Protein backbone atom coordinates (compact mmCIF):
# COMPACT_ATOMS: atom_id res chain seq x y z
CA UNK A 1 0.00 0.00 0.00
CA UNK A 2 2.78 2.42 0.90
CA UNK A 3 4.65 1.41 -2.26
CA UNK A 4 1.65 2.36 -4.41
CA UNK A 5 1.46 5.74 -2.68
CA UNK A 6 5.17 6.37 -3.26
CA UNK A 7 4.85 5.42 -6.94
CA UNK A 8 1.92 7.79 -7.31
CA UNK A 9 3.94 10.64 -5.80
CA UNK A 10 6.89 9.80 -8.06
CA UNK A 11 4.65 9.98 -11.13
CA UNK A 12 3.06 13.27 -10.06
CA UNK A 13 6.38 15.12 -9.68
CA UNK A 14 7.47 14.77 -13.35
CA UNK A 15 3.96 15.67 -14.48
CA UNK A 16 4.07 18.91 -12.48
CA UNK A 17 7.54 19.72 -13.83
CA UNK A 18 6.35 19.20 -17.42
CA UNK A 19 3.28 21.32 -16.75
CA UNK A 20 5.43 24.15 -15.42
CA UNK A 21 7.61 23.96 -18.54
CA UNK A 22 4.58 24.07 -20.84
CA UNK A 23 3.14 27.08 -19.03
CA UNK A 24 6.40 28.97 -19.61
CA UNK A 25 6.01 28.44 -23.37
CA UNK A 26 2.44 29.70 -23.56
CA UNK A 27 1.88 32.98 -25.37
CA UNK A 28 -0.45 34.77 -22.98
CA UNK A 29 -2.81 37.46 -24.29
CA UNK A 30 -2.21 41.05 -23.28
CA UNK A 31 -4.44 42.65 -20.68
CA UNK A 32 -6.25 44.56 -23.46
CA UNK A 33 -6.89 41.38 -25.47
CA UNK A 34 -8.11 39.50 -22.39
CA UNK A 35 -10.50 42.34 -21.58
CA UNK A 36 -11.79 42.44 -25.16
CA UNK A 37 -12.32 38.69 -25.29
CA UNK A 38 -14.06 38.74 -21.92
CA UNK A 39 -16.45 41.47 -23.08
CA UNK A 40 -17.16 39.53 -26.29
CA UNK A 41 -18.02 36.40 -24.29
CA UNK A 42 -20.24 38.35 -21.89
CA UNK A 43 -21.98 40.10 -24.80
CA UNK A 44 -22.55 36.86 -26.68
CA UNK A 45 -23.85 35.19 -23.52
CA UNK A 46 -26.31 38.02 -22.91
CA UNK A 47 -27.46 37.94 -26.55
CA UNK A 48 -28.12 34.20 -26.38
CA UNK A 49 -29.86 34.59 -23.01
CA UNK A 50 -32.18 37.30 -24.34
CA UNK A 51 -32.88 35.30 -27.50
CA UNK A 52 -33.76 32.15 -25.56
CA UNK A 53 -35.75 34.17 -23.03
CA UNK A 54 -37.69 35.75 -25.90
CA UNK A 55 -38.43 32.36 -27.42
CA UNK A 56 -39.56 31.07 -24.03
CA UNK A 57 -41.85 34.06 -23.57
CA UNK A 58 -43.24 33.69 -27.11
CA UNK A 59 -43.94 29.97 -26.81
CA UNK A 60 -45.46 30.39 -23.35
CA UNK A 61 -47.73 33.11 -24.70
CA UNK A 62 -48.74 31.02 -27.72
CA UNK A 63 -49.45 27.94 -25.62
CA UNK A 64 -51.55 29.96 -23.17
CA UNK A 65 -53.39 31.73 -25.99
CA UNK A 66 -54.26 28.74 -28.17
CA UNK A 67 -54.24 25.67 -25.96
CA UNK A 68 -55.33 26.78 -22.53
PDB file of N, CA and C in Angstrom:
ATOM      1  N   UNK A   1       0.824  -1.193   0.000  1.00  0.00           N
ATOM      2  CA  UNK A   1       0.000   0.000   0.000  1.00  0.00           C
ATOM      3  C   UNK A   1       0.866   1.253   0.000  1.00  0.00           C
ATOM      4  N   UNK A   2       1.884   1.272   0.839  1.00  0.00           N
ATOM      5  CA  UNK A   2       2.784   2.420   0.896  1.00  0.00           C
ATOM      6  C   UNK A   2       3.564   2.542  -0.404  1.00  0.00           C
ATOM      7  N   UNK A   3       3.906   1.394  -1.006  1.00  0.00           N
ATOM      8  CA  UNK A   3       4.652   1.406  -2.259  1.00  0.00           C
ATOM      9  C   UNK A   3       3.820   2.052  -3.378  1.00  0.00           C
ATOM     10  N   UNK A   4       2.532   1.769  -3.406  1.00  0.00           N
ATOM     11  CA  UNK A   4       1.648   2.357  -4.411  1.00  0.00           C
ATOM     12  C   UNK A   4       1.571   3.874  -4.225  1.00  0.00           C
ATOM     13  N   UNK A   5       1.508   4.312  -2.979  1.00  0.00           N
ATOM     14  CA  UNK A   5       1.464   5.745  -2.676  1.00  0.00           C
ATOM     15  C   UNK A   5       2.750   6.427  -3.131  1.00  0.00           C
ATOM     16  N   UNK A   6       3.877   5.808  -2.862  1.00  0.00           N
ATOM     17  CA  UNK A   6       5.174   6.371  -3.257  1.00  0.00           C
ATOM     18  C   UNK A   6       5.277   6.441  -4.780  1.00  0.00           C
ATOM     19  N   UNK A   7       4.826   5.407  -5.479  1.00  0.00           N
ATOM     20  CA  UNK A   7       4.854   5.416  -6.939  1.00  0.00           C
ATOM     21  C   UNK A   7       3.950   6.513  -7.509  1.00  0.00           C
ATOM     22  N   UNK A   8       2.824   6.726  -6.862  1.00  0.00           N
ATOM     23  CA  UNK A   8       1.924   7.789  -7.305  1.00  0.00           C
ATOM     24  C   UNK A   8       2.593   9.148  -7.158  1.00  0.00           C
ATOM     25  N   UNK A   9       3.227   9.375  -6.025  1.00  0.00           N
ATOM     26  CA  UNK A   9       3.937  10.642  -5.797  1.00  0.00           C
ATOM     27  C   UNK A   9       5.057  10.805  -6.814  1.00  0.00           C
ATOM     28  N   UNK A  10       5.786   9.730  -7.092  1.00  0.00           N
ATOM     29  CA  UNK A  10       6.888   9.797  -8.056  1.00  0.00           C
ATOM     30  C   UNK A  10       6.388  10.104  -9.466  1.00  0.00           C
ATOM     31  N   UNK A  11       5.183   9.685  -9.796  1.00  0.00           N
ATOM     32  CA  UNK A  11       4.649   9.977 -11.127  1.00  0.00           C
ATOM     33  C   UNK A  11       4.053  11.384 -11.201  1.00  0.00           C
ATOM     34  N   UNK A  12       3.632  11.926 -10.077  1.00  0.00           N
ATOM     35  CA  UNK A  12       3.062  13.269 -10.062  1.00  0.00           C
ATOM     36  C   UNK A  12       4.150  14.325 -10.232  1.00  0.00           C
ATOM     37  N   UNK A  13       5.306  14.122  -9.639  1.00  0.00           N
ATOM     38  CA  UNK A  13       6.379  15.119  -9.681  1.00  0.00           C
ATOM     39  C   UNK A  13       6.821  15.423 -11.114  1.00  0.00           C
ATOM     40  N   UNK A  14       7.107  14.429 -11.964  1.00  0.00           N
ATOM     41  CA  UNK A  14       7.468  14.771 -13.350  1.00  0.00           C
ATOM     42  C   UNK A  14       6.326  15.449 -14.116  1.00  0.00           C
ATOM     43  N   UNK A  15       5.104  15.043 -13.823  1.00  0.00           N
ATOM     44  CA  UNK A  15       3.957  15.674 -14.476  1.00  0.00           C
ATOM     45  C   UNK A  15       3.905  17.161 -14.147  1.00  0.00           C
ATOM     46  N   UNK A  16       4.093  17.502 -12.885  1.00  0.00           N
ATOM     47  CA  UNK A  16       4.068  18.909 -12.482  1.00  0.00           C
ATOM     48  C   UNK A  16       5.222  19.683 -13.102  1.00  0.00           C
ATOM     49  N   UNK A  17       6.388  19.061 -13.205  1.00  0.00           N
ATOM     50  CA  UNK A  17       7.541  19.718 -13.825  1.00  0.00           C
ATOM     51  C   UNK A  17       7.270  19.981 -15.310  1.00  0.00           C
ATOM     52  N   UNK A  18       6.688  19.013 -16.005  1.00  0.00           N
ATOM     53  CA  UNK A  18       6.349  19.199 -17.418  1.00  0.00           C
ATOM     54  C   UNK A  18       5.288  20.281 -17.588  1.00  0.00           C
ATOM     55  N   UNK A  19       4.326  20.306 -16.693  1.00  0.00           N
ATOM     56  CA  UNK A  19       3.275  21.316 -16.749  1.00  0.00           C
ATOM     57  C   UNK A  19       3.863  22.708 -16.581  1.00  0.00           C
ATOM     58  N   UNK A  20       4.776  22.855 -15.649  1.00  0.00           N
ATOM     59  CA  UNK A  20       5.430  24.147 -15.422  1.00  0.00           C
ATOM     60  C   UNK A  20       6.192  24.581 -16.674  1.00  0.00           C
ATOM     61  N   UNK A  21       6.884  23.652 -17.311  1.00  0.00           N
ATOM     62  CA  UNK A  21       7.612  23.961 -18.541  1.00  0.00           C
ATOM     63  C   UNK A  21       6.688  24.389 -19.669  1.00  0.00           C
ATOM     64  N   UNK A  22       5.546  23.715 -19.793  1.00  0.00           N
ATOM     65  CA  UNK A  22       4.582  24.070 -20.839  1.00  0.00           C
ATOM     66  C   UNK A  22       3.999  25.457 -20.595  1.00  0.00           C
ATOM     67  N   UNK A  23       3.717  25.777 -19.343  1.00  0.00           N
ATOM     68  CA  UNK A  23       3.141  27.083 -19.032  1.00  0.00           C
ATOM     69  C   UNK A  23       4.112  28.217 -19.341  1.00  0.00           C
ATOM     70  N   UNK A  24       5.406  27.948 -19.271  1.00  0.00           N
ATOM     71  CA  UNK A  24       6.396  28.974 -19.608  1.00  0.00           C
ATOM     72  C   UNK A  24       6.407  29.254 -21.106  1.00  0.00           C
ATOM     73  N   UNK A  25       5.998  28.280 -21.917  1.00  0.00           N
ATOM     74  CA  UNK A  25       6.013  28.440 -23.371  1.00  0.00           C
ATOM     75  C   UNK A  25       4.717  29.015 -23.938  1.00  0.00           C
ATOM     76  N   UNK A  26       3.729  29.180 -23.101  1.00  0.00           N
ATOM     77  CA  UNK A  26       2.437  29.696 -23.558  1.00  0.00           C
ATOM     78  C   UNK A  26       2.570  31.175 -23.911  1.00  0.00           C
ATOM     79  N   UNK A  27       1.952  31.567 -25.021  1.00  0.00           N
ATOM     80  CA  UNK A  27       1.876  32.982 -25.373  1.00  0.00           C
ATOM     81  C   UNK A  27       0.582  33.522 -24.774  1.00  0.00           C
ATOM     82  N   UNK A  28       0.716  34.266 -23.689  1.00  0.00           N
ATOM     83  CA  UNK A  28      -0.446  34.770 -22.982  1.00  0.00           C
ATOM     84  C   UNK A  28      -0.964  36.028 -23.670  1.00  0.00           C
ATOM     85  N   UNK A  29      -2.278  36.237 -23.687  1.00  0.00           N
ATOM     86  CA  UNK A  29      -2.814  37.461 -24.286  1.00  0.00           C
ATOM     87  C   UNK A  29      -2.483  38.669 -23.410  1.00  0.00           C
ATOM     88  N   UNK A  30      -2.449  39.828 -24.053  1.00  0.00           N
ATOM     89  CA  UNK A  30      -2.214  41.049 -23.284  1.00  0.00           C
ATOM     90  C   UNK A  30      -3.460  41.347 -22.441  1.00  0.00           C
ATOM     91  N   UNK A  31      -3.312  42.278 -21.532  1.00  0.00           N
ATOM     92  CA  UNK A  31      -4.442  42.651 -20.684  1.00  0.00           C
ATOM     93  C   UNK A  31      -5.587  43.193 -21.546  1.00  0.00           C
ATOM     94  N   UNK A  32      -5.238  43.984 -22.573  1.00  0.00           N
ATOM     95  CA  UNK A  32      -6.250  44.557 -23.458  1.00  0.00           C
ATOM     96  C   UNK A  32      -6.990  43.457 -24.217  1.00  0.00           C
ATOM     97  N   UNK A  33      -6.256  42.485 -24.744  1.00  0.00           N
ATOM     98  CA  UNK A  33      -6.888  41.378 -25.468  1.00  0.00           C
ATOM     99  C   UNK A  33      -7.791  40.569 -24.545  1.00  0.00           C
ATOM    100  N   UNK A  34      -7.305  40.282 -23.340  1.00  0.00           N
ATOM    101  CA  UNK A  34      -8.105  39.499 -22.395  1.00  0.00           C
ATOM    102  C   UNK A  34      -9.399  40.227 -22.050  1.00  0.00           C
ATOM    103  N   UNK A  35      -9.307  41.553 -21.872  1.00  0.00           N
ATOM    104  CA  UNK A  35     -10.502  42.342 -21.576  1.00  0.00           C
ATOM    105  C   UNK A  35     -11.469  42.310 -22.753  1.00  0.00           C
ATOM    106  N   UNK A  36     -10.940  42.467 -23.974  1.00  0.00           N
ATOM    107  CA  UNK A  36     -11.795  42.440 -25.163  1.00  0.00           C
ATOM    108  C   UNK A  36     -12.488  41.088 -25.313  1.00  0.00           C
ATOM    109  N   UNK A  37     -11.735  40.023 -25.154  1.00  0.00           N
ATOM    110  CA  UNK A  37     -12.317  38.685 -25.290  1.00  0.00           C
ATOM    111  C   UNK A  37     -13.363  38.427 -24.213  1.00  0.00           C
ATOM    112  N   UNK A  38     -13.098  38.915 -23.008  1.00  0.00           N
ATOM    113  CA  UNK A  38     -14.058  38.743 -21.920  1.00  0.00           C
ATOM    114  C   UNK A  38     -15.360  39.470 -22.235  1.00  0.00           C
ATOM    115  N   UNK A  39     -15.246  40.700 -22.736  1.00  0.00           N
ATOM    116  CA  UNK A  39     -16.446  41.466 -23.082  1.00  0.00           C
ATOM    117  C   UNK A  39     -17.210  40.816 -24.233  1.00  0.00           C
ATOM    118  N   UNK A  40     -16.497  40.237 -25.183  1.00  0.00           N
ATOM    119  CA  UNK A  40     -17.159  39.530 -26.285  1.00  0.00           C
ATOM    120  C   UNK A  40     -17.945  38.334 -25.753  1.00  0.00           C
ATOM    121  N   UNK A  41     -17.342  37.571 -24.852  1.00  0.00           N
ATOM    122  CA  UNK A  41     -18.021  36.398 -24.287  1.00  0.00           C
ATOM    123  C   UNK A  41     -19.241  36.821 -23.480  1.00  0.00           C
ATOM    124  N   UNK A  42     -19.099  37.874 -22.679  1.00  0.00           N
ATOM    125  CA  UNK A  42     -20.238  38.354 -21.889  1.00  0.00           C
ATOM    126  C   UNK A  42     -21.352  38.844 -22.812  1.00  0.00           C
ATOM    127  N   UNK A  43     -20.983  39.600 -23.847  1.00  0.00           N
ATOM    128  CA  UNK A  43     -21.981  40.104 -24.797  1.00  0.00           C
ATOM    129  C   UNK A  43     -22.699  38.980 -25.523  1.00  0.00           C
ATOM    130  N   UNK A  44     -21.942  37.995 -25.989  1.00  0.00           N
ATOM    131  CA  UNK A  44     -22.552  36.862 -26.684  1.00  0.00           C
ATOM    132  C   UNK A  44     -23.460  36.074 -25.740  1.00  0.00           C
ATOM    133  N   UNK A  45     -23.031  35.910 -24.502  1.00  0.00           N
ATOM    134  CA  UNK A  45     -23.852  35.189 -23.521  1.00  0.00           C
ATOM    135  C   UNK A  45     -25.163  35.922 -23.262  1.00  0.00           C
ATOM    136  N   UNK A  46     -25.086  37.243 -23.130  1.00  0.00           N
ATOM    137  CA  UNK A  46     -26.307  38.023 -22.914  1.00  0.00           C
ATOM    138  C   UNK A  46     -27.230  37.955 -24.130  1.00  0.00           C
ATOM    139  N   UNK A  47     -26.655  38.017 -25.332  1.00  0.00           N
ATOM    140  CA  UNK A  47     -27.465  37.940 -26.549  1.00  0.00           C
ATOM    141  C   UNK A  47     -28.198  36.603 -26.629  1.00  0.00           C
ATOM    142  N   UNK A  48     -27.495  35.527 -26.350  1.00  0.00           N
ATOM    143  CA  UNK A  48     -28.122  34.197 -26.381  1.00  0.00           C
ATOM    144  C   UNK A  48     -29.188  34.093 -25.291  1.00  0.00           C
ATOM    145  N   UNK A  49     -28.896  34.643 -24.110  1.00  0.00           N
ATOM    146  CA  UNK A  49     -29.865  34.588 -23.012  1.00  0.00           C
ATOM    147  C   UNK A  49     -31.142  35.345 -23.374  1.00  0.00           C
ATOM    148  N   UNK A  50     -30.994  36.541 -23.951  1.00  0.00           N
ATOM    149  CA  UNK A  50     -32.183  37.304 -24.343  1.00  0.00           C
ATOM    150  C   UNK A  50     -32.948  36.608 -25.464  1.00  0.00           C
ATOM    151  N   UNK A  51     -32.229  36.027 -26.408  1.00  0.00           N
ATOM    152  CA  UNK A  51     -32.883  35.301 -27.504  1.00  0.00           C
ATOM    153  C   UNK A  51     -33.685  34.120 -26.964  1.00  0.00           C
ATOM    154  N   UNK A  52     -33.053  33.316 -26.121  1.00  0.00           N
ATOM    155  CA  UNK A  52     -33.756  32.154 -25.565  1.00  0.00           C
ATOM    156  C   UNK A  52     -34.892  32.581 -24.641  1.00  0.00           C
ATOM    157  N   UNK A  53     -34.680  33.651 -23.881  1.00  0.00           N
ATOM    158  CA  UNK A  53     -35.751  34.173 -23.033  1.00  0.00           C
ATOM    159  C   UNK A  53     -36.929  34.651 -23.860  1.00  0.00           C
ATOM    160  N   UNK A  54     -36.624  35.303 -24.995  1.00  0.00           N
ATOM    161  CA  UNK A  54     -37.691  35.749 -25.896  1.00  0.00           C
ATOM    162  C   UNK A  54     -38.465  34.586 -26.480  1.00  0.00           C
ATOM    163  N   UNK A  55     -37.751  33.547 -26.901  1.00  0.00           N
ATOM    164  CA  UNK A  55     -38.435  32.357 -27.416  1.00  0.00           C
ATOM    165  C   UNK A  55     -39.307  31.719 -26.339  1.00  0.00           C
ATOM    166  N   UNK A  56     -38.790  31.645 -25.136  1.00  0.00           N
ATOM    167  CA  UNK A  56     -39.562  31.070 -24.034  1.00  0.00           C
ATOM    168  C   UNK A  56     -40.832  31.881 -23.797  1.00  0.00           C
ATOM    169  N   UNK A  57     -40.686  33.190 -23.769  1.00  0.00           N
ATOM    170  CA  UNK A  57     -41.849  34.058 -23.574  1.00  0.00           C
ATOM    171  C   UNK A  57     -42.862  33.870 -24.702  1.00  0.00           C
ATOM    172  N   UNK A  58     -42.360  33.844 -25.950  1.00  0.00           N
ATOM    173  CA  UNK A  58     -43.239  33.688 -27.110  1.00  0.00           C
ATOM    174  C   UNK A  58     -43.996  32.361 -27.066  1.00  0.00           C
ATOM    175  N   UNK A  59     -43.283  31.274 -26.829  1.00  0.00           N
ATOM    176  CA  UNK A  59     -43.942  29.968 -26.807  1.00  0.00           C
ATOM    177  C   UNK A  59     -44.903  29.843 -25.629  1.00  0.00           C
ATOM    178  N   UNK A  60     -44.549  30.407 -24.500  1.00  0.00           N
ATOM    179  CA  UNK A  60     -45.455  30.388 -23.349  1.00  0.00           C
ATOM    180  C   UNK A  60     -46.731  31.157 -23.681  1.00  0.00           C
ATOM    181  N   UNK A  61     -46.572  32.311 -24.302  1.00  0.00           N
ATOM    182  CA  UNK A  61     -47.733  33.112 -24.701  1.00  0.00           C
ATOM    183  C   UNK A  61     -48.608  32.347 -25.691  1.00  0.00           C
ATOM    184  N   UNK A  62     -47.976  31.755 -26.701  1.00  0.00           N
ATOM    185  CA  UNK A  62     -48.741  31.022 -27.717  1.00  0.00           C
ATOM    186  C   UNK A  62     -49.465  29.821 -27.126  1.00  0.00           C
ATOM    187  N   UNK A  63     -48.809  29.102 -26.246  1.00  0.00           N
ATOM    188  CA  UNK A  63     -49.452  27.944 -25.618  1.00  0.00           C
ATOM    189  C   UNK A  63     -50.629  28.394 -24.769  1.00  0.00           C
ATOM    190  N   UNK A  64     -50.451  29.456 -23.998  1.00  0.00           N
ATOM    191  CA  UNK A  64     -51.548  29.961 -23.168  1.00  0.00           C
ATOM    192  C   UNK A  64     -52.690  30.507 -24.018  1.00  0.00           C
ATOM    193  N   UNK A  65     -52.376  31.110 -25.129  1.00  0.00           N
ATOM    194  CA  UNK A  65     -53.391  31.726 -25.987  1.00  0.00           C
ATOM    195  C   UNK A  65     -54.224  30.684 -26.737  1.00  0.00           C
ATOM    196  N   UNK A  66     -53.563  29.667 -27.280  1.00  0.00           N
ATOM    197  CA  UNK A  66     -54.264  28.737 -28.168  1.00  0.00           C
ATOM    198  C   UNK A  66     -54.649  27.405 -27.530  1.00  0.00           C
ATOM    199  N   UNK A  67     -53.959  26.984 -26.530  1.00  0.00           N
ATOM    200  CA  UNK A  67     -54.241  25.667 -25.959  1.00  0.00           C
ATOM    201  C   UNK A  67     -55.032  25.779 -24.665  1.00  0.00           C
ATOM    202  N   UNK A  68     -54.680  26.700 -23.849  1.00  0.00           N
ATOM    203  CA  UNK A  68     -55.330  26.776 -22.527  1.00  0.00           C
ATOM    204  C   UNK A  68     -56.527  27.692 -22.570  1.00  0.00           C
TER     205      UNK A  68
END
